[in-house]
Amino acid sequence: MAIINCPRCGKRISDLSKVCAHCSLPLGEMSEHDIEQLERQRWRKRIYIARNVTYLGMTALVVGAIWWFMVGTGGLVLPPPPLSVILLALGAVVYLGGRGWLLWLRMKRNRPH
């Protein structure tokens, strides 16, 4: 008896089980083509999530820049307000992390076969 990952949800299950306990995927009736399709779907879902993370980072950057511009009476003020600095820094980190994740997912070794 070995522990394998479910092709659909990726959770750990026994190789003797006929159905995944987490997502109810019938395991015994799957061909190699079906398993490859499920792997591609999981990869596309990860790409989708990574893109949304980068959009969240860009949004935080834009909101931080607008906040910095709108707080002062004469446009950009120095020193910048703490909230705008936090939003700008957080947005930059989240954006760069999301882009790094996207690049990692698109590497040939991480793509489904």
N, C-alpha and C. Protein backbone atom coordinates (compact mmCIF):
# COMPACT_ATOMS: atom_id res chain seq x y z
N MET A 1 0.85 -1.18 0.00
CA MET A 1 0.00 0.00 0.00
C MET A 1 0.89 1.24 0.00
N ALA A 2 0.65 2.12 -0.94
CA ALA A 2 1.42 3.34 -1.06
C ALA A 2 0.48 4.54 -1.03
N ILE A 3 1.05 5.68 -0.72
CA ILE A 3 0.30 6.93 -0.72
C ILE A 3 0.61 7.65 -2.03
N ILE A 4 -0.43 8.03 -2.74
CA ILE A 4 -0.28 8.76 -4.00
C ILE A 4 -1.05 10.07 -3.91
N ASN A 5 -0.84 10.94 -4.87
CA ASN A 5 -1.60 12.19 -4.95
C ASN A 5 -2.75 12.01 -5.94
N CYS A 6 -3.91 12.52 -5.56
CA CYS A 6 -5.07 12.47 -6.45
C CYS A 6 -4.79 13.32 -7.69
N PRO A 7 -5.09 12.84 -8.89
CA PRO A 7 -4.83 13.62 -10.10
C PRO A 7 -5.65 14.90 -10.19
N ARG A 8 -6.83 14.95 -9.58
CA ARG A 8 -7.68 16.13 -9.67
C ARG A 8 -7.35 17.15 -8.58
N CYS A 9 -7.42 16.73 -7.32
CA CYS A 9 -7.29 17.69 -6.22
C CYS A 9 -5.89 17.75 -5.63
N GLY A 10 -5.06 16.75 -5.89
CA GLY A 10 -3.70 16.76 -5.41
C GLY A 10 -3.54 16.33 -3.96
N LYS A 11 -4.61 15.92 -3.30
CA LYS A 11 -4.53 15.47 -1.91
C LYS A 11 -3.95 14.06 -1.86
N ARG A 12 -3.40 13.70 -0.71
CA ARG A 12 -2.79 12.38 -0.53
C ARG A 12 -3.87 11.34 -0.25
N ILE A 13 -3.81 10.24 -1.01
CA ILE A 13 -4.77 9.14 -0.84
C ILE A 13 -4.04 7.81 -0.99
N SER A 14 -4.70 6.75 -0.61
CA SER A 14 -4.14 5.41 -0.76
C SER A 14 -4.26 4.97 -2.22
N ASP A 15 -3.28 4.21 -2.67
CA ASP A 15 -3.36 3.72 -4.05
C ASP A 15 -4.36 2.58 -4.20
N LEU A 16 -4.85 2.03 -3.10
CA LEU A 16 -5.84 0.96 -3.16
C LEU A 16 -7.27 1.48 -3.24
N SER A 17 -7.48 2.75 -2.92
CA SER A 17 -8.84 3.28 -2.93
C SER A 17 -9.33 3.44 -4.37
N LYS A 18 -10.61 3.22 -4.56
CA LYS A 18 -11.22 3.31 -5.89
C LYS A 18 -11.72 4.71 -6.20
N VAL A 19 -12.00 5.49 -5.12
CA VAL A 19 -12.54 6.84 -5.27
C VAL A 19 -11.78 7.75 -4.32
N CYS A 20 -11.44 8.96 -4.77
CA CYS A 20 -10.79 9.93 -3.90
C CYS A 20 -11.78 10.37 -2.82
N ALA A 21 -11.33 10.36 -1.58
CA ALA A 21 -12.20 10.74 -0.47
C ALA A 21 -12.45 12.25 -0.42
N HIS A 22 -11.62 13.04 -1.09
CA HIS A 22 -11.73 14.49 -1.03
C HIS A 22 -12.59 15.06 -2.15
N CYS A 23 -12.40 14.54 -3.38
CA CYS A 23 -13.12 15.12 -4.53
C CYS A 23 -14.02 14.12 -5.24
N SER A 24 -14.10 12.90 -4.76
CA SER A 24 -14.97 11.84 -5.31
C SER A 24 -14.62 11.47 -6.75
N LEU A 25 -13.37 11.59 -7.12
CA LEU A 25 -12.92 11.20 -8.46
C LEU A 25 -12.75 9.69 -8.52
N PRO A 26 -13.40 9.00 -9.47
CA PRO A 26 -13.19 7.55 -9.59
C PRO A 26 -11.79 7.29 -10.17
N LEU A 27 -10.96 6.60 -9.42
CA LEU A 27 -9.57 6.43 -9.81
C LEU A 27 -9.32 5.20 -10.68
N GLY A 28 -10.05 4.14 -10.46
CA GLY A 28 -9.77 2.90 -11.18
C GLY A 28 -10.11 2.97 -12.66
N GLU A 29 -10.99 3.86 -13.06
CA GLU A 29 -11.48 3.90 -14.43
C GLU A 29 -10.78 4.94 -15.30
N MET A 30 -9.70 5.53 -14.81
CA MET A 30 -9.05 6.62 -15.53
C MET A 30 -7.94 6.09 -16.43
N SER A 31 -7.90 6.62 -17.65
CA SER A 31 -6.82 6.29 -18.57
C SER A 31 -5.70 7.31 -18.38
N GLU A 32 -4.58 7.07 -19.03
CA GLU A 32 -3.45 8.00 -18.95
C GLU A 32 -3.83 9.36 -19.55
N HIS A 33 -4.64 9.33 -20.60
CA HIS A 33 -5.09 10.58 -21.23
C HIS A 33 -5.92 11.41 -20.25
N ASP A 34 -6.82 10.75 -19.51
CA ASP A 34 -7.65 11.46 -18.53
C ASP A 34 -6.79 12.07 -17.43
N ILE A 35 -5.78 11.34 -16.98
CA ILE A 35 -4.90 11.85 -15.93
C ILE A 35 -4.12 13.06 -16.44
N GLU A 36 -3.65 13.01 -17.69
CA GLU A 36 -2.93 14.14 -18.26
C GLU A 36 -3.83 15.36 -18.39
N GLN A 37 -5.10 15.14 -18.76
CA GLN A 37 -6.04 16.26 -18.85
C GLN A 37 -6.25 16.90 -17.48
N LEU A 38 -6.39 16.10 -16.45
CA LEU A 38 -6.57 16.64 -15.11
C LEU A 38 -5.33 17.40 -14.65
N GLU A 39 -4.14 16.90 -14.98
CA GLU A 39 -2.92 17.63 -14.64
C GLU A 39 -2.86 18.98 -15.35
N ARG A 40 -3.27 19.01 -16.62
CA ARG A 40 -3.30 20.28 -17.35
C ARG A 40 -4.29 21.25 -16.74
N GLN A 41 -5.45 20.73 -16.31
CA GLN A 41 -6.45 21.60 -15.67
C GLN A 41 -5.91 22.18 -14.37
N ARG A 42 -5.24 21.35 -13.57
CA ARG A 42 -4.65 21.85 -12.33
C ARG A 42 -3.59 22.90 -12.62
N TRP A 43 -2.78 22.70 -13.67
CA TRP A 43 -1.75 23.66 -14.03
C TRP A 43 -2.37 24.98 -14.47
N ARG A 44 -3.44 24.90 -15.28
CA ARG A 44 -4.13 26.12 -15.72
C ARG A 44 -4.73 26.87 -14.54
N LYS A 45 -5.27 26.14 -13.57
CA LYS A 45 -5.83 26.78 -12.39
C LYS A 45 -4.74 27.50 -11.60
N ARG A 46 -3.57 26.89 -11.49
CA ARG A 46 -2.46 27.56 -10.80
C ARG A 46 -2.02 28.81 -11.54
N ILE A 47 -1.98 28.74 -12.88
CA ILE A 47 -1.63 29.92 -13.68
C ILE A 47 -2.65 31.03 -13.43
N TYR A 48 -3.92 30.67 -13.40
CA TYR A 48 -5.00 31.64 -13.16
C TYR A 48 -4.82 32.30 -11.79
N ILE A 49 -4.53 31.52 -10.77
CA ILE A 49 -4.35 32.07 -9.43
C ILE A 49 -3.11 32.97 -9.38
N ALA A 50 -2.02 32.55 -10.03
CA ALA A 50 -0.81 33.37 -10.04
C ALA A 50 -1.06 34.70 -10.75
N ARG A 51 -1.82 34.68 -11.83
CA ARG A 51 -2.15 35.94 -12.51
C ARG A 51 -2.97 36.85 -11.60
N ASN A 52 -3.93 36.27 -10.89
CA ASN A 52 -4.74 37.09 -9.99
C ASN A 52 -3.91 37.67 -8.86
N VAL A 53 -2.90 36.94 -8.40
CA VAL A 53 -2.00 37.47 -7.37
C VAL A 53 -1.25 38.68 -7.91
N THR A 54 -0.79 38.61 -9.16
CA THR A 54 -0.09 39.76 -9.73
C THR A 54 -1.04 40.95 -9.90
N TYR A 55 -2.30 40.68 -10.26
CA TYR A 55 -3.27 41.78 -10.38
C TYR A 55 -3.53 42.41 -9.02
N LEU A 56 -3.58 41.60 -7.98
CA LEU A 56 -3.76 42.13 -6.63
C LEU A 56 -2.58 43.02 -6.24
N GLY A 57 -1.37 42.59 -6.58
CA GLY A 57 -0.19 43.41 -6.30
C GLY A 57 -0.21 44.72 -7.05
N MET A 58 -0.60 44.68 -8.33
CA MET A 58 -0.69 45.92 -9.11
C MET A 58 -1.74 46.86 -8.53
N THR A 59 -2.86 46.30 -8.09
CA THR A 59 -3.91 47.12 -7.49
C THR A 59 -3.42 47.79 -6.23
N ALA A 60 -2.69 47.06 -5.39
CA ALA A 60 -2.15 47.66 -4.17
C ALA A 60 -1.15 48.76 -4.51
N LEU A 61 -0.34 48.56 -5.54
CA LEU A 61 0.59 49.61 -5.96
C LEU A 61 -0.15 50.87 -6.41
N VAL A 62 -1.16 50.71 -7.21
CA VAL A 62 -1.91 51.86 -7.72
C VAL A 62 -2.64 52.57 -6.58
N VAL A 63 -3.27 51.81 -5.70
CA VAL A 63 -3.99 52.43 -4.58
C VAL A 63 -3.01 53.16 -3.67
N GLY A 64 -1.84 52.57 -3.43
CA GLY A 64 -0.83 53.25 -2.61
C GLY A 64 -0.36 54.55 -3.23
N ALA A 65 -0.14 54.53 -4.55
CA ALA A 65 0.30 55.76 -5.23
C ALA A 65 -0.79 56.82 -5.22
N ILE A 66 -2.04 56.42 -5.44
CA ILE A 66 -3.15 57.38 -5.40
C ILE A 66 -3.32 57.93 -3.99
N TRP A 67 -3.20 57.05 -2.99
CA TRP A 67 -3.33 57.49 -1.60
C TRP A 67 -2.26 58.53 -1.27
N TRP A 68 -1.03 58.29 -1.71
CA TRP A 68 0.06 59.21 -1.45
C TRP A 68 -0.21 60.55 -2.13
N PHE A 69 -0.75 60.52 -3.34
CA PHE A 69 -1.01 61.74 -4.07
C PHE A 69 -2.19 62.52 -3.48
N MET A 70 -3.22 61.81 -3.03
CA MET A 70 -4.45 62.47 -2.58
C MET A 70 -4.39 62.97 -1.14
N VAL A 71 -3.50 62.42 -0.31
CA VAL A 71 -3.47 62.80 1.10
C VAL A 71 -3.00 64.24 1.26
N GLY A 72 -1.97 64.62 0.56
CA GLY A 72 -1.45 65.98 0.69
C GLY A 72 -2.30 66.98 -0.06
N THR A 73 -2.18 68.23 0.33
CA THR A 73 -2.95 69.27 -0.35
C THR A 73 -2.30 69.69 -1.67
N GLY A 74 -0.99 69.50 -1.77
CA GLY A 74 -0.30 69.93 -2.97
C GLY A 74 0.26 68.79 -3.79
N GLY A 75 -0.38 67.67 -3.78
CA GLY A 75 0.12 66.52 -4.55
C GLY A 75 0.98 65.62 -3.68
N LEU A 76 2.10 65.18 -4.22
CA LEU A 76 2.99 64.28 -3.49
C LEU A 76 3.67 65.04 -2.36
N VAL A 77 3.61 64.48 -1.17
CA VAL A 77 4.22 65.11 0.00
C VAL A 77 5.34 64.20 0.51
N LEU A 78 6.34 64.83 1.09
CA LEU A 78 7.43 64.09 1.73
C LEU A 78 7.44 64.44 3.20
N PRO A 79 7.57 63.53 4.07
CA PRO A 79 7.60 62.09 3.89
C PRO A 79 6.22 61.56 3.53
N PRO A 80 6.18 60.45 2.83
CA PRO A 80 4.89 59.89 2.42
C PRO A 80 4.11 59.35 3.62
N PRO A 81 2.79 59.33 3.52
CA PRO A 81 1.98 58.77 4.61
C PRO A 81 2.30 57.29 4.82
N PRO A 82 2.25 56.83 6.07
CA PRO A 82 2.61 55.43 6.35
C PRO A 82 1.75 54.40 5.61
N LEU A 83 0.45 54.67 5.46
CA LEU A 83 -0.41 53.72 4.77
C LEU A 83 -0.02 53.56 3.31
N SER A 84 0.34 54.65 2.66
CA SER A 84 0.74 54.54 1.26
C SER A 84 2.06 53.80 1.12
N VAL A 85 2.97 53.99 2.06
CA VAL A 85 4.24 53.25 2.01
C VAL A 85 3.99 51.76 2.18
N ILE A 86 3.10 51.42 3.11
CA ILE A 86 2.76 50.00 3.33
C ILE A 86 2.13 49.41 2.08
N LEU A 87 1.18 50.14 1.48
CA LEU A 87 0.53 49.63 0.27
C LEU A 87 1.51 49.49 -0.89
N LEU A 88 2.39 50.47 -1.05
CA LEU A 88 3.37 50.39 -2.13
C LEU A 88 4.33 49.22 -1.92
N ALA A 89 4.82 49.06 -0.71
CA ALA A 89 5.76 47.96 -0.43
C ALA A 89 5.07 46.61 -0.57
N LEU A 90 3.88 46.49 0.01
CA LEU A 90 3.14 45.24 -0.07
C LEU A 90 2.78 44.91 -1.52
N GLY A 91 2.35 45.91 -2.27
CA GLY A 91 2.02 45.70 -3.67
C GLY A 91 3.22 45.25 -4.49
N ALA A 92 4.39 45.87 -4.22
CA ALA A 92 5.59 45.48 -4.95
C ALA A 92 6.00 44.04 -4.64
N VAL A 93 5.95 43.68 -3.36
CA VAL A 93 6.33 42.32 -2.97
C VAL A 93 5.36 41.29 -3.55
N VAL A 94 4.06 41.57 -3.45
CA VAL A 94 3.06 40.63 -3.96
C VAL A 94 3.17 40.51 -5.48
N TYR A 95 3.37 41.63 -6.16
CA TYR A 95 3.49 41.59 -7.62
C TYR A 95 4.71 40.79 -8.04
N LEU A 96 5.86 41.07 -7.43
CA LEU A 96 7.07 40.34 -7.81
C LEU A 96 6.97 38.86 -7.45
N GLY A 97 6.34 38.56 -6.32
CA GLY A 97 6.14 37.16 -5.96
C GLY A 97 5.23 36.45 -6.94
N GLY A 98 4.16 37.11 -7.37
CA GLY A 98 3.25 36.52 -8.35
C GLY A 98 3.92 36.31 -9.69
N ARG A 99 4.73 37.28 -10.12
CA ARG A 99 5.44 37.13 -11.40
C ARG A 99 6.46 36.00 -11.32
N GLY A 100 7.14 35.90 -10.18
CA GLY A 100 8.08 34.80 -9.99
C GLY A 100 7.38 33.46 -10.04
N TRP A 101 6.21 33.38 -9.41
CA TRP A 101 5.43 32.15 -9.42
C TRP A 101 5.00 31.80 -10.84
N LEU A 102 4.57 32.83 -11.60
CA LEU A 102 4.18 32.59 -13.00
C LEU A 102 5.36 32.07 -13.82
N LEU A 103 6.53 32.67 -13.64
CA LEU A 103 7.70 32.20 -14.38
C LEU A 103 8.04 30.77 -14.00
N TRP A 104 7.94 30.46 -12.70
CA TRP A 104 8.23 29.11 -12.25
C TRP A 104 7.25 28.10 -12.84
N LEU A 105 5.97 28.47 -12.88
CA LEU A 105 4.97 27.57 -13.44
C LEU A 105 5.16 27.34 -14.94
N ARG A 106 5.67 28.33 -15.62
CA ARG A 106 5.81 28.22 -17.08
C ARG A 106 7.13 27.58 -17.51
N MET A 107 7.99 27.27 -16.55
CA MET A 107 9.21 26.55 -16.91
C MET A 107 8.83 25.18 -17.46
N LYS A 108 9.62 24.70 -18.38
CA LYS A 108 9.28 23.45 -19.07
C LYS A 108 9.13 22.28 -18.10
N ARG A 109 9.96 22.23 -17.07
CA ARG A 109 9.90 21.09 -16.14
C ARG A 109 8.66 21.12 -15.26
N ASN A 110 8.00 22.27 -15.12
CA ASN A 110 6.81 22.38 -14.28
C ASN A 110 5.51 22.29 -15.07
N ARG A 111 5.60 22.22 -16.37
CA ARG A 111 4.40 22.08 -17.20
C ARG A 111 3.95 20.63 -17.21
N PRO A 112 2.66 20.42 -17.38
CA PRO A 112 2.21 19.03 -17.52
C PRO A 112 2.68 18.46 -18.85
N HIS A 113 2.89 17.19 -18.86
CA HIS A 113 3.43 16.53 -20.06
C HIS A 113 2.39 16.33 -21.11
